[in-house]
Full PDB file with SEQRES, HELIX, SHEET, SSBOND, CRYST1, ORIGX, SCALE, CONECT and MASTER records, all heavy atoms in Angstrom:
SEQRES   1 A   39  ALA ILE GLY TYR THR MET TYR ALA GLY SER LEU HIS GLU          
SEQRES   2 A   39  ASP GLU MET TRP LYS GLU PHE ARG GLU VAL GLN GLU ALA          
SEQRES   3 A   39  ALA ARG GLN TYR SER VAL PRO ILE VAL MET TRP SER TYR          
HELIX    1 AA1 GLU A   13  TYR A   30  1                                  18    
SHEET    1 AA1 2 ILE A   2  MET A   6  0                                        
SHEET    2 AA1 2 ILE A  34  SER A  38  1                                        
CRYST1    1.000    1.000    1.000  90.00  90.00  90.00 P 1           1          
ORIGX1      1.000000  0.000000  0.000000        0.00000                         
ORIGX2      0.000000  1.000000  0.000000        0.00000                         
ORIGX3      0.000000  0.000000  1.000000        0.00000                         
SCALE1      1.000000  0.000000  0.000000        0.00000                         
SCALE2      0.000000  1.000000  0.000000        0.00000                         
SCALE3      0.000000  0.000000  1.000000        0.00000                         
ATOM      1  N   ALA A   1      60.082 -16.281 111.787  1.00  0.00           N  
ATOM      2  CA  ALA A   1      61.303 -15.744 111.192  1.00  0.00           C  
ATOM      3  C   ALA A   1      62.472 -16.257 112.011  1.00  0.00           C  
ATOM      4  O   ALA A   1      62.300 -16.775 113.124  1.00  0.00           O  
ATOM      5  CB  ALA A   1      61.281 -14.214 111.178  1.00  0.00           C  
ATOM      6  N   ILE A   2      63.666 -16.109 111.456  1.00  0.00           N  
ATOM      7  CA  ILE A   2      64.862 -16.501 112.185  1.00  0.00           C  
ATOM      8  C   ILE A   2      65.858 -15.350 112.155  1.00  0.00           C  
ATOM      9  O   ILE A   2      65.793 -14.468 111.299  1.00  0.00           O  
ATOM     10  CB  ILE A   2      65.504 -17.777 111.602  1.00  0.00           C  
ATOM     11  CG1 ILE A   2      65.843 -17.581 110.128  1.00  0.00           C  
ATOM     12  CG2 ILE A   2      64.598 -18.970 111.797  1.00  0.00           C  
ATOM     13  CD1 ILE A   2      66.614 -18.744 109.548  1.00  0.00           C  
ATOM     14  N   GLY A   3      66.767 -15.359 113.121  1.00  0.00           N  
ATOM     15  CA  GLY A   3      67.787 -14.323 113.195  1.00  0.00           C  
ATOM     16  C   GLY A   3      69.169 -14.924 113.368  1.00  0.00           C  
ATOM     17  O   GLY A   3      69.309 -16.018 113.943  1.00  0.00           O  
ATOM     18  N   TYR A   4      70.159 -14.223 112.853  1.00  0.00           N  
ATOM     19  CA  TYR A   4      71.552 -14.696 112.938  1.00  0.00           C  
ATOM     20  C   TYR A   4      72.454 -13.487 113.111  1.00  0.00           C  
ATOM     21  O   TYR A   4      72.339 -12.510 112.362  1.00  0.00           O  
ATOM     22  CB  TYR A   4      71.935 -15.473 111.670  1.00  0.00           C  
ATOM     23  CG  TYR A   4      73.323 -16.078 111.719  1.00  0.00           C  
ATOM     24  CD1 TYR A   4      73.520 -17.384 112.144  1.00  0.00           C  
ATOM     25  CD2 TYR A   4      74.439 -15.340 111.343  1.00  0.00           C  
ATOM     26  CE1 TYR A   4      74.789 -17.940 112.191  1.00  0.00           C  
ATOM     27  CE2 TYR A   4      75.717 -15.888 111.391  1.00  0.00           C  
ATOM     28  CZ  TYR A   4      75.885 -17.185 111.816  1.00  0.00           C  
ATOM     29  OH  TYR A   4      77.143 -17.731 111.873  1.00  0.00           O  
ATOM     30  N   THR A   5      73.340 -13.542 114.100  1.00  0.00           N  
ATOM     31  CA  THR A   5      74.308 -12.467 114.318  1.00  0.00           C  
ATOM     32  C   THR A   5      75.581 -12.728 113.530  1.00  0.00           C  
ATOM     33  O   THR A   5      76.162 -13.820 113.611  1.00  0.00           O  
ATOM     34  CB  THR A   5      74.661 -12.337 115.812  1.00  0.00           C  
ATOM     35  OG1 THR A   5      73.491 -11.964 116.540  1.00  0.00           O  
ATOM     36  CG2 THR A   5      75.729 -11.284 116.028  1.00  0.00           C  
ATOM     37  N   MET A   6      76.014 -11.714 112.778  1.00  0.00           N  
ATOM     38  CA  MET A   6      77.228 -11.812 111.965  1.00  0.00           C  
ATOM     39  C   MET A   6      78.255 -10.798 112.452  1.00  0.00           C  
ATOM     40  O   MET A   6      77.977  -9.597 112.478  1.00  0.00           O  
ATOM     41  CB  MET A   6      76.906 -11.549 110.491  1.00  0.00           C  
ATOM     42  CG  MET A   6      78.112 -11.441 109.581  1.00  0.00           C  
ATOM     43  SD  MET A   6      79.034 -12.996 109.421  1.00  0.00           S  
ATOM     44  CE  MET A   6      77.862 -13.965 108.459  1.00  0.00           C  
ATOM     45  N   TYR A   7      79.436 -11.299 112.840  1.00  0.00           N  
ATOM     46  CA  TYR A   7      80.530 -10.435 113.255  1.00  0.00           C  
ATOM     47  C   TYR A   7      81.585 -10.368 112.144  1.00  0.00           C  
ATOM     48  O   TYR A   7      82.654 -10.987 112.231  1.00  0.00           O  
ATOM     49  CB  TYR A   7      81.179 -10.941 114.543  1.00  0.00           C  
ATOM     50  CG  TYR A   7      80.292 -10.880 115.768  1.00  0.00           C  
ATOM     51  CD1 TYR A   7      80.248 -11.950 116.662  1.00  0.00           C  
ATOM     52  CD2 TYR A   7      79.518  -9.756 116.035  1.00  0.00           C  
ATOM     53  CE1 TYR A   7      79.448 -11.902 117.801  1.00  0.00           C  
ATOM     54  CE2 TYR A   7      78.721  -9.703 117.170  1.00  0.00           C  
ATOM     55  CZ  TYR A   7      78.692 -10.764 118.044  1.00  0.00           C  
ATOM     56  OH  TYR A   7      77.896 -10.712 119.175  1.00  0.00           O  
ATOM     57  N   ALA A   8      81.275  -9.630 111.093  1.00  0.00           N  
ATOM     58  CA  ALA A   8      82.280  -9.423 110.046  1.00  0.00           C  
ATOM     59  C   ALA A   8      83.432  -8.613 110.635  1.00  0.00           C  
ATOM     60  O   ALA A   8      83.221  -7.719 111.450  1.00  0.00           O  
ATOM     61  CB  ALA A   8      81.662  -8.675 108.873  1.00  0.00           C  
ATOM     62  N   GLY A   9      84.636  -8.931 110.227  1.00  0.00           N  
ATOM     63  CA  GLY A   9      85.814  -8.264 110.771  1.00  0.00           C  
ATOM     64  C   GLY A   9      86.500  -9.061 111.852  1.00  0.00           C  
ATOM     65  O   GLY A   9      87.646  -8.779 112.219  1.00  0.00           O  
ATOM     66  N   SER A  10      85.819 -10.089 112.367  1.00  0.00           N  
ATOM     67  CA  SER A  10      86.411 -10.961 113.369  1.00  0.00           C  
ATOM     68  C   SER A  10      87.334 -11.985 112.710  1.00  0.00           C  
ATOM     69  O   SER A  10      87.192 -12.302 111.522  1.00  0.00           O  
ATOM     70  CB  SER A  10      85.295 -11.688 114.129  1.00  0.00           C  
ATOM     71  OG  SER A  10      85.811 -12.786 114.868  1.00  0.00           O  
ATOM     72  N   LEU A  11      88.242 -12.513 113.496  1.00  0.00           N  
ATOM     73  CA  LEU A  11      89.086 -13.597 113.005  1.00  0.00           C  
ATOM     74  C   LEU A  11      88.244 -14.809 112.608  1.00  0.00           C  
ATOM     75  O   LEU A  11      88.711 -15.658 111.838  1.00  0.00           O  
ATOM     76  CB  LEU A  11      90.101 -14.011 114.080  1.00  0.00           C  
ATOM     77  CG  LEU A  11      91.154 -12.965 114.482  1.00  0.00           C  
ATOM     78  CD1 LEU A  11      91.978 -13.482 115.657  1.00  0.00           C  
ATOM     79  CD2 LEU A  11      92.054 -12.625 113.302  1.00  0.00           C  
ATOM     80  N   HIS A  12      87.024 -14.899 113.118  1.00  0.00           N  
ATOM     81  CA  HIS A  12      86.149 -16.037 112.843  1.00  0.00           C  
ATOM     82  C   HIS A  12      85.112 -15.716 111.775  1.00  0.00           C  
ATOM     83  O   HIS A  12      84.123 -16.448 111.631  1.00  0.00           O  
ATOM     84  CB  HIS A  12      85.461 -16.466 114.136  1.00  0.00           C  
ATOM     85  CG  HIS A  12      86.412 -16.821 115.233  1.00  0.00           C  
ATOM     86  ND1 HIS A  12      87.168 -17.974 115.220  1.00  0.00           N  
ATOM     87  CD2 HIS A  12      86.764 -16.149 116.357  1.00  0.00           C  
ATOM     88  CE1 HIS A  12      87.933 -18.009 116.297  1.00  0.00           C  
ATOM     89  NE2 HIS A  12      87.700 -16.925 117.002  1.00  0.00           N  
ATOM     90  N   GLU A  13      85.331 -14.648 111.034  1.00  0.00           N  
ATOM     91  CA  GLU A  13      84.364 -14.259 109.999  1.00  0.00           C  
ATOM     92  C   GLU A  13      84.105 -15.390 109.009  1.00  0.00           C  
ATOM     93  O   GLU A  13      82.953 -15.666 108.667  1.00  0.00           O  
ATOM     94  CB  GLU A  13      84.868 -13.019 109.256  1.00  0.00           C  
ATOM     95  CG  GLU A  13      83.986 -12.598 108.101  1.00  0.00           C  
ATOM     96  CD  GLU A  13      84.586 -11.459 107.293  1.00  0.00           C  
ATOM     97  OE1 GLU A  13      84.751 -10.358 107.856  1.00  0.00           O  
ATOM     98  OE2 GLU A  13      84.890 -11.681 106.099  1.00  0.00           O  
ATOM     99  N   ASP A  14      85.150 -16.041 108.527  1.00  0.00           N  
ATOM    100  CA  ASP A  14      84.973 -17.079 107.510  1.00  0.00           C  
ATOM    101  C   ASP A  14      84.052 -18.190 107.996  1.00  0.00           C  
ATOM    102  O   ASP A  14      83.195 -18.682 107.242  1.00  0.00           O  
ATOM    103  CB  ASP A  14      86.327 -17.679 107.111  1.00  0.00           C  
ATOM    104  CG  ASP A  14      87.217 -16.691 106.377  1.00  0.00           C  
ATOM    105  OD1 ASP A  14      86.726 -15.592 106.053  1.00  0.00           O  
ATOM    106  OD2 ASP A  14      88.393 -17.001 106.145  1.00  0.00           O  
ATOM    107  N   GLU A  15      84.217 -18.581 109.253  1.00  0.00           N  
ATOM    108  CA  GLU A  15      83.391 -19.648 109.814  1.00  0.00           C  
ATOM    109  C   GLU A  15      81.930 -19.205 109.908  1.00  0.00           C  
ATOM    110  O   GLU A  15      81.011 -19.977 109.606  1.00  0.00           O  
ATOM    111  CB  GLU A  15      83.916 -20.025 111.202  1.00  0.00           C  
ATOM    112  CG  GLU A  15      83.242 -21.224 111.818  1.00  0.00           C  
ATOM    113  CD  GLU A  15      83.904 -21.660 113.115  1.00  0.00           C  
ATOM    114  OE1 GLU A  15      84.952 -21.084 113.484  1.00  0.00           O  
ATOM    115  OE2 GLU A  15      83.366 -22.576 113.769  1.00  0.00           O  
ATOM    116  N   MET A  16      81.710 -17.953 110.264  1.00  0.00           N  
ATOM    117  CA  MET A  16      80.354 -17.454 110.399  1.00  0.00           C  
ATOM    118  C   MET A  16      79.691 -17.279 109.033  1.00  0.00           C  
ATOM    119  O   MET A  16      78.482 -17.478 108.893  1.00  0.00           O  
ATOM    120  CB  MET A  16      80.346 -16.145 111.192  1.00  0.00           C  
ATOM    121  CG  MET A  16      80.854 -16.314 112.620  1.00  0.00           C  
ATOM    122  SD  MET A  16      80.656 -14.830 113.625  1.00  0.00           S  
ATOM    123  CE  MET A  16      78.884 -14.877 113.887  1.00  0.00           C  
ATOM    124  N   TRP A  17      80.465 -16.921 108.034  1.00  0.00           N  
ATOM    125  CA  TRP A  17      79.914 -16.838 106.676  1.00  0.00           C  
ATOM    126  C   TRP A  17      79.418 -18.211 106.230  1.00  0.00           C  
ATOM    127  O   TRP A  17      78.348 -18.328 105.620  1.00  0.00           O  
ATOM    128  CB  TRP A  17      80.976 -16.316 105.702  1.00  0.00           C  
ATOM    129  CG  TRP A  17      81.153 -14.843 105.717  1.00  0.00           C  
ATOM    130  CD1 TRP A  17      81.157 -14.024 106.813  1.00  0.00           C  
ATOM    131  CD2 TRP A  17      81.354 -13.998 104.590  1.00  0.00           C  
ATOM    132  NE1 TRP A  17      81.365 -12.726 106.425  1.00  0.00           N  
ATOM    133  CE2 TRP A  17      81.490 -12.676 105.074  1.00  0.00           C  
ATOM    134  CE3 TRP A  17      81.450 -14.228 103.225  1.00  0.00           C  
ATOM    135  CZ2 TRP A  17      81.708 -11.588 104.234  1.00  0.00           C  
ATOM    136  CZ3 TRP A  17      81.678 -13.149 102.378  1.00  0.00           C  
ATOM    137  CH2 TRP A  17      81.798 -11.840 102.882  1.00  0.00           C  
ATOM    138  N   LYS A  18      80.186 -19.253 106.524  1.00  0.00           N  
ATOM    139  CA  LYS A  18      79.787 -20.602 106.148  1.00  0.00           C  
ATOM    140  C   LYS A  18      78.495 -20.983 106.864  1.00  0.00           C  
ATOM    141  O   LYS A  18      77.561 -21.530 106.253  1.00  0.00           O  
ATOM    142  CB  LYS A  18      80.894 -21.598 106.489  1.00  0.00           C  
ATOM    143  CG  LYS A  18      80.530 -23.044 106.187  1.00  0.00           C  
ATOM    144  CD  LYS A  18      81.639 -23.999 106.598  1.00  0.00           C  
ATOM    145  CE  LYS A  18      81.222 -25.442 106.346  1.00  0.00           C  
ATOM    146  NZ  LYS A  18      82.286 -26.399 106.776  1.00  0.00           N  
ATOM    147  N   GLU A  19      78.426 -20.692 108.167  1.00  0.00           N  
ATOM    148  CA  GLU A  19      77.216 -21.004 108.926  1.00  0.00           C  
ATOM    149  C   GLU A  19      76.014 -20.236 108.380  1.00  0.00           C  
ATOM    150  O   GLU A  19      74.914 -20.787 108.258  1.00  0.00           O  
ATOM    151  CB  GLU A  19      77.419 -20.675 110.405  1.00  0.00           C  
ATOM    152  CG  GLU A  19      78.314 -21.643 111.141  1.00  0.00           C  
ATOM    153  CD  GLU A  19      78.378 -21.353 112.630  1.00  0.00           C  
ATOM    154  OE1 GLU A  19      77.724 -20.386 113.088  1.00  0.00           O  
ATOM    155  OE2 GLU A  19      79.080 -22.091 113.333  1.00  0.00           O  
ATOM    156  N   PHE A  20      76.229 -18.959 108.055  1.00  0.00           N  
ATOM    157  CA  PHE A  20      75.117 -18.159 107.555  1.00  0.00           C  
ATOM    158  C   PHE A  20      74.625 -18.685 106.208  1.00  0.00           C  
ATOM    159  O   PHE A  20      73.421 -18.669 105.942  1.00  0.00           O  
ATOM    160  CB  PHE A  20      75.516 -16.691 107.422  1.00  0.00           C  
ATOM    161  CG  PHE A  20      74.361 -15.816 107.005  1.00  0.00           C  
ATOM    162  CD1 PHE A  20      73.408 -15.417 107.930  1.00  0.00           C  
ATOM    163  CD2 PHE A  20      74.195 -15.425 105.684  1.00  0.00           C  
ATOM    164  CE1 PHE A  20      72.322 -14.639 107.547  1.00  0.00           C  
ATOM    165  CE2 PHE A  20      73.113 -14.655 105.284  1.00  0.00           C  
ATOM    166  CZ  PHE A  20      72.176 -14.249 106.227  1.00  0.00           C  
ATOM    167  N   ARG A  21      75.530 -19.138 105.374  1.00  0.00           N  
ATOM    168  CA  ARG A  21      75.111 -19.713 104.083  1.00  0.00           C  
ATOM    169  C   ARG A  21      74.161 -20.877 104.323  1.00  0.00           C  
ATOM    170  O   ARG A  21      73.098 -20.975 103.686  1.00  0.00           O  
ATOM    171  CB  ARG A  21      76.329 -20.188 103.289  1.00  0.00           C  
ATOM    172  CG  ARG A  21      75.946 -20.986 102.036  1.00  0.00           C  
ATOM    173  CD  ARG A  21      77.163 -21.444 101.261  1.00  0.00           C  
ATOM    174  NE  ARG A  21      78.037 -22.302 102.028  1.00  0.00           N  
ATOM    175  CZ  ARG A  21      77.841 -23.605 102.241  1.00  0.00           C  
ATOM    176  NH1 ARG A  21      76.741 -24.203 101.788  1.00  0.00           N  
ATOM    177  NH2 ARG A  21      78.705 -24.316 102.936  1.00  0.00           N  
ATOM    178  N   GLU A  22      74.508 -21.771 105.246  1.00  0.00           N  
ATOM    179  CA  GLU A  22      73.661 -22.923 105.530  1.00  0.00           C  
ATOM    180  C   GLU A  22      72.313 -22.486 106.106  1.00  0.00           C  
ATOM    181  O   GLU A  22      71.258 -23.020 105.737  1.00  0.00           O  
ATOM    182  CB  GLU A  22      74.382 -23.853 106.507  1.00  0.00           C  
ATOM    183  CG  GLU A  22      75.652 -24.457 105.920  1.00  0.00           C  
ATOM    184  CD  GLU A  22      76.532 -25.133 106.965  1.00  0.00           C  
ATOM    185  OE1 GLU A  22      76.244 -24.969 108.181  1.00  0.00           O  
ATOM    186  OE2 GLU A  22      77.501 -25.806 106.577  1.00  0.00           O  
ATOM    187  N   VAL A  23      72.342 -21.492 106.989  1.00  0.00           N  
ATOM    188  CA  VAL A  23      71.115 -20.979 107.601  1.00  0.00           C  
ATOM    189  C   VAL A  23      70.229 -20.318 106.549  1.00  0.00           C  
ATOM    190  O   VAL A  23      69.016 -20.558 106.483  1.00  0.00           O  
ATOM    191  CB  VAL A  23      71.465 -19.977 108.724  1.00  0.00           C  
ATOM    192  CG1 VAL A  23      70.257 -19.139 109.115  1.00  0.00           C  
ATOM    193  CG2 VAL A  23      72.021 -20.706 109.936  1.00  0.00           C  
ATOM    194  N   GLN A  24      70.828 -19.488 105.716  1.00  0.00           N  
ATOM    195  CA  GLN A  24      70.058 -18.748 104.711  1.00  0.00           C  
ATOM    196  C   GLN A  24      69.401 -19.685 103.717  1.00  0.00           C  
ATOM    197  O   GLN A  24      68.227 -19.521 103.349  1.00  0.00           O  
ATOM    198  CB  GLN A  24      70.982 -17.749 103.999  1.00  0.00           C  
ATOM    199  CG  GLN A  24      70.264 -16.720 103.160  1.00  0.00           C  
ATOM    200  CD  GLN A  24      70.150 -17.135 101.690  1.00  0.00           C  
ATOM    201  OE1 GLN A  24      70.686 -18.161 101.279  1.00  0.00           O  
ATOM    202  NE2 GLN A  24      69.455 -16.312 100.919  1.00  0.00           N  
ATOM    203  N   GLU A  25      70.119 -20.695 103.265  1.00  0.00           N  
ATOM    204  CA  GLU A  25      69.558 -21.621 102.296  1.00  0.00           C  
ATOM    205  C   GLU A  25      68.458 -22.485 102.912  1.00  0.00           C  
ATOM    206  O   GLU A  25      67.442 -22.777 102.255  1.00  0.00           O  
ATOM    207  CB  GLU A  25      70.676 -22.481 101.697  1.00  0.00           C  
ATOM    208  CG  GLU A  25      71.624 -21.664 100.816  1.00  0.00           C  
ATOM    209  CD  GLU A  25      72.795 -22.459 100.272  1.00  0.00           C  
ATOM    210  OE1 GLU A  25      72.873 -23.682 100.568  1.00  0.00           O  
ATOM    211  OE2 GLU A  25      73.641 -21.869  99.575  1.00  0.00           O  
ATOM    212  N   ALA A  26      68.623 -22.851 104.181  1.00  0.00           N  
ATOM    213  CA  ALA A  26      67.568 -23.605 104.855  1.00  0.00           C  
ATOM    214  C   ALA A  26      66.333 -22.736 105.047  1.00  0.00           C  
ATOM    215  O   ALA A  26      65.195 -23.203 104.905  1.00  0.00           O  
ATOM    216  CB  ALA A  26      68.070 -24.121 106.200  1.00  0.00           C  
ATOM    217  N   ALA A  27      66.537 -21.465 105.359  1.00  0.00           N  
ATOM    218  CA  ALA A  27      65.409 -20.545 105.529  1.00  0.00           C  
ATOM    219  C   ALA A  27      64.616 -20.418 104.241  1.00  0.00           C  
ATOM    220  O   ALA A  27      63.381 -20.323 104.259  1.00  0.00           O  
ATOM    221  CB  ALA A  27      65.914 -19.177 105.979  1.00  0.00           C  
ATOM    222  N   ARG A  28      65.293 -20.411 103.115  1.00  0.00           N  
ATOM    223  CA  ARG A  28      64.603 -20.344 101.823  1.00  0.00           C  
ATOM    224  C   ARG A  28      63.753 -21.600 101.594  1.00  0.00           C  
ATOM    225  O   ARG A  28      62.668 -21.524 101.024  1.00  0.00           O  
ATOM    226  CB  ARG A  28      65.626 -20.175 100.691  1.00  0.00           C  
ATOM    227  CG  ARG A  28      66.339 -18.829 100.703  1.00  0.00           C  
ATOM    228  CD  ARG A  28      65.395 -17.707 100.282  1.00  0.00           C  
ATOM    229  NE  ARG A  28      66.050 -16.406 100.344  1.00  0.00           N  
ATOM    230  CZ  ARG A  28      65.892 -15.529 101.326  1.00  0.00           C  
ATOM    231  NH1 ARG A  28      65.105 -15.808 102.352  1.00  0.00           N  
ATOM    232  NH2 ARG A  28      66.523 -14.367 101.305  1.00  0.00           N  
ATOM    233  N   GLN A  29      64.256 -22.743 102.047  1.00  0.00           N  
ATOM    234  CA  GLN A  29      63.492 -23.979 101.883  1.00  0.00           C  
ATOM    235  C   GLN A  29      62.177 -23.925 102.664  1.00  0.00           C  
ATOM    236  O   GLN A  29      61.162 -24.464 102.228  1.00  0.00           O  
ATOM    237  CB  GLN A  29      64.325 -25.179 102.357  1.00  0.00           C  
ATOM    238  CG  GLN A  29      65.532 -25.493 101.489  1.00  0.00           C  
ATOM    239  CD  GLN A  29      65.141 -25.974 100.103  1.00  0.00           C  
ATOM    240  OE1 GLN A  29      64.198 -26.748  99.948  1.00  0.00           O  
ATOM    241  NE2 GLN A  29      65.847 -25.517  99.086  1.00  0.00           N  
ATOM    242  N   TYR A  30      62.207 -23.235 103.811  1.00  0.00           N  
ATOM    243  CA  TYR A  30      61.016 -23.141 104.655  1.00  0.00           C  
ATOM    244  C   TYR A  30      60.218 -21.859 104.414  1.00  0.00           C  
ATOM    245  O   TYR A  30      59.174 -21.662 105.041  1.00  0.00           O  
ATOM    246  CB  TYR A  30      61.413 -23.217 106.133  1.00  0.00           C  
ATOM    247  CG  TYR A  30      61.781 -24.605 106.603  1.00  0.00           C  
ATOM    248  CD1 TYR A  30      63.115 -24.960 106.781  1.00  0.00           C  
ATOM    249  CD2 TYR A  30      60.792 -25.541 106.876  1.00  0.00           C  
ATOM    250  CE1 TYR A  30      63.462 -26.228 107.229  1.00  0.00           C  
ATOM    251  CE2 TYR A  30      61.124 -26.817 107.323  1.00  0.00           C  
ATOM    252  CZ  TYR A  30      62.465 -27.151 107.497  1.00  0.00           C  
ATOM    253  OH  TYR A  30      62.795 -28.410 107.934  1.00  0.00           O  
ATOM    254  N   SER A  31      60.701 -21.008 103.538  1.00  0.00           N  
ATOM    255  CA  SER A  31      60.020 -19.741 103.212  1.00  0.00           C  
ATOM    256  C   SER A  31      59.794 -18.874 104.445  1.00  0.00           C  
ATOM    257  O   SER A  31      58.737 -18.276 104.629  1.00  0.00           O  
ATOM    258  CB  SER A  31      58.681 -20.008 102.508  1.00  0.00           C  
ATOM    259  OG  SER A  31      58.900 -20.643 101.262  1.00  0.00           O  
ATOM    260  N   VAL A  32      60.814 -18.816 105.319  1.00  0.00           N  
ATOM    261  CA  VAL A  32      60.757 -17.902 106.457  1.00  0.00           C  
ATOM    262  C   VAL A  32      61.825 -16.833 106.265  1.00  0.00           C  
ATOM    263  O   VAL A  32      62.920 -17.124 105.774  1.00  0.00           O  
ATOM    264  CB  VAL A  32      60.964 -18.623 107.804  1.00  0.00           C  
ATOM    265  CG1 VAL A  32      59.811 -19.553 108.105  1.00  0.00           C  
ATOM    266  CG2 VAL A  32      62.298 -19.354 107.844  1.00  0.00           C  
ATOM    267  N   PRO A  33      61.526 -15.581 106.617  1.00  0.00           N  
ATOM    268  CA  PRO A  33      62.528 -14.524 106.444  1.00  0.00           C  
ATOM    269  C   PRO A  33      63.648 -14.638 107.466  1.00  0.00           C  
ATOM    270  O   PRO A  33      63.461 -15.164 108.567  1.00  0.00           O  
ATOM    271  CB  PRO A  33      61.718 -13.239 106.661  1.00  0.00           C  
ATOM    272  CG  PRO A  33      60.549 -13.646 107.486  1.00  0.00           C  
ATOM    273  CD  PRO A  33      60.234 -15.064 107.099  1.00  0.00           C  
ATOM    274  N   ILE A  34      64.809 -14.135 107.081  1.00  0.00           N  
ATOM    275  CA  ILE A  34      65.967 -14.151 107.962  1.00  0.00           C  
ATOM    276  C   ILE A  34      66.444 -12.732 108.214  1.00  0.00           C  
ATOM    277  O   ILE A  34      66.613 -11.944 107.277  1.00  0.00           O  
ATOM    278  CB  ILE A  34      67.101 -15.032 107.390  1.00  0.00           C  
ATOM    279  CG1 ILE A  34      68.316 -14.999 108.319  1.00  0.00           C  
ATOM    280  CG2 ILE A  34      67.484 -14.631 105.979  1.00  0.00           C  
ATOM    281  CD1 ILE A  34      69.340 -16.067 107.996  1.00  0.00           C  
ATOM    282  N   VAL A  35      66.615 -12.418 109.486  1.00  0.00           N  
ATOM    283  CA  VAL A  35      67.104 -11.108 109.909  1.00  0.00           C  
ATOM    284  C   VAL A  35      68.553 -11.268 110.329  1.00  0.00           C  
ATOM    285  O   VAL A  35      68.864 -12.081 111.207  1.00  0.00           O  
ATOM    286  CB  VAL A  35      66.276 -10.548 111.081  1.00  0.00           C  
ATOM    287  CG1 VAL A  35      66.801  -9.174 111.492  1.00  0.00           C  
ATOM    288  CG2 VAL A  35      64.794 -10.475 110.705  1.00  0.00           C  
ATOM    289  N   MET A  36      69.444 -10.503 109.698  1.00  0.00           N  
ATOM    290  CA  MET A  36      70.853 -10.544 110.068  1.00  0.00           C  
ATOM    291  C   MET A  36      71.158  -9.418 111.053  1.00  0.00           C  
ATOM    292  O   MET A  36      70.956  -8.247 110.749  1.00  0.00           O  
ATOM    293  CB  MET A  36      71.769 -10.406 108.840  1.00  0.00           C  
ATOM    294  CG  MET A  36      73.262 -10.395 109.219  1.00  0.00           C  
ATOM    295  SD  MET A  36      74.359  -9.915 107.857  1.00  0.00           S  
ATOM    296  CE  MET A  36      74.326 -11.416 106.888  1.00  0.00           C  
ATOM    297  N   TRP A  37      71.622  -9.793 112.246  1.00  0.00           N  
ATOM    298  CA  TRP A  37      72.206  -8.824 113.172  1.00  0.00           C  
ATOM    299  C   TRP A  37      73.619  -8.568 112.635  1.00  0.00           C  
ATOM    300  O   TRP A  37      74.530  -9.362 112.873  1.00  0.00           O  
ATOM    301  CB  TRP A  37      72.309  -9.424 114.569  1.00  0.00           C  
ATOM    302  CG  TRP A  37      71.161  -9.299 115.520  1.00  0.00           C  
ATOM    303  CD1 TRP A  37      71.232  -8.744 116.762  1.00  0.00           C  
ATOM    304  CD2 TRP A  37      69.810  -9.776 115.401  1.00  0.00           C  
ATOM    305  NE1 TRP A  37      70.013  -8.827 117.404  1.00  0.00           N  
ATOM    306  CE2 TRP A  37      69.115  -9.454 116.590  1.00  0.00           C  
ATOM    307  CE3 TRP A  37      69.116 -10.425 114.384  1.00  0.00           C  
ATOM    308  CZ2 TRP A  37      67.782  -9.773 116.794  1.00  0.00           C  
ATOM    309  CZ3 TRP A  37      67.791 -10.739 114.582  1.00  0.00           C  
ATOM    310  CH2 TRP A  37      67.126 -10.413 115.762  1.00  0.00           C  
ATOM    311  N   SER A  38      73.832  -7.496 111.899  1.00  0.00           N  
ATOM    312  CA  SER A  38      75.114  -7.272 111.232  1.00  0.00           C  
ATOM    313  C   SER A  38      75.943  -6.278 112.037  1.00  0.00           C  
ATOM    314  O   SER A  38      75.743  -5.068 111.953  1.00  0.00           O  
ATOM    315  CB  SER A  38      74.895  -6.755 109.807  1.00  0.00           C  
ATOM    316  OG  SER A  38      76.115  -6.769 109.097  1.00  0.00           O  
ATOM    317  N   TYR A  39      76.876  -6.827 112.811  1.00  0.00           N  
ATOM    318  CA  TYR A  39      77.699  -6.023 113.717  1.00  0.00           C  
ATOM    319  C   TYR A  39      79.182  -6.220 113.397  1.00  0.00           C  
ATOM    320  O   TYR A  39      79.862  -7.012 114.051  1.00  0.00           O  
ATOM    321  CB  TYR A  39      77.456  -6.435 115.168  1.00  0.00           C  
ATOM    322  CG  TYR A  39      76.081  -6.163 115.709  1.00  0.00           C  
ATOM    323  CD1 TYR A  39      75.626  -6.844 116.839  1.00  0.00           C  
ATOM    324  CD2 TYR A  39      75.219  -5.230 115.136  1.00  0.00           C  
ATOM    325  CE1 TYR A  39      74.365  -6.595 117.368  1.00  0.00           C  
ATOM    326  CE2 TYR A  39      73.964  -4.984 115.659  1.00  0.00           C  
ATOM    327  CZ  TYR A  39      73.548  -5.666 116.774  1.00  0.00           C  
ATOM    328  OH  TYR A  39      72.301  -5.425 117.299  1.00  0.00           O  
TER     329      TYR A  39                                                      
MASTER        0    0    0    1    2    0    0    6  328    1    0    3          
END                                                                             
């Protein structure tokens, strides 16, 4: 599995959303679950 920390509410939220999109779609290609550390 893979994990990704998301800091919604930060000035850098938009950049992290873009990164998470790429991570999430790649995870689907490999059929591994993704755990979001949502803080």
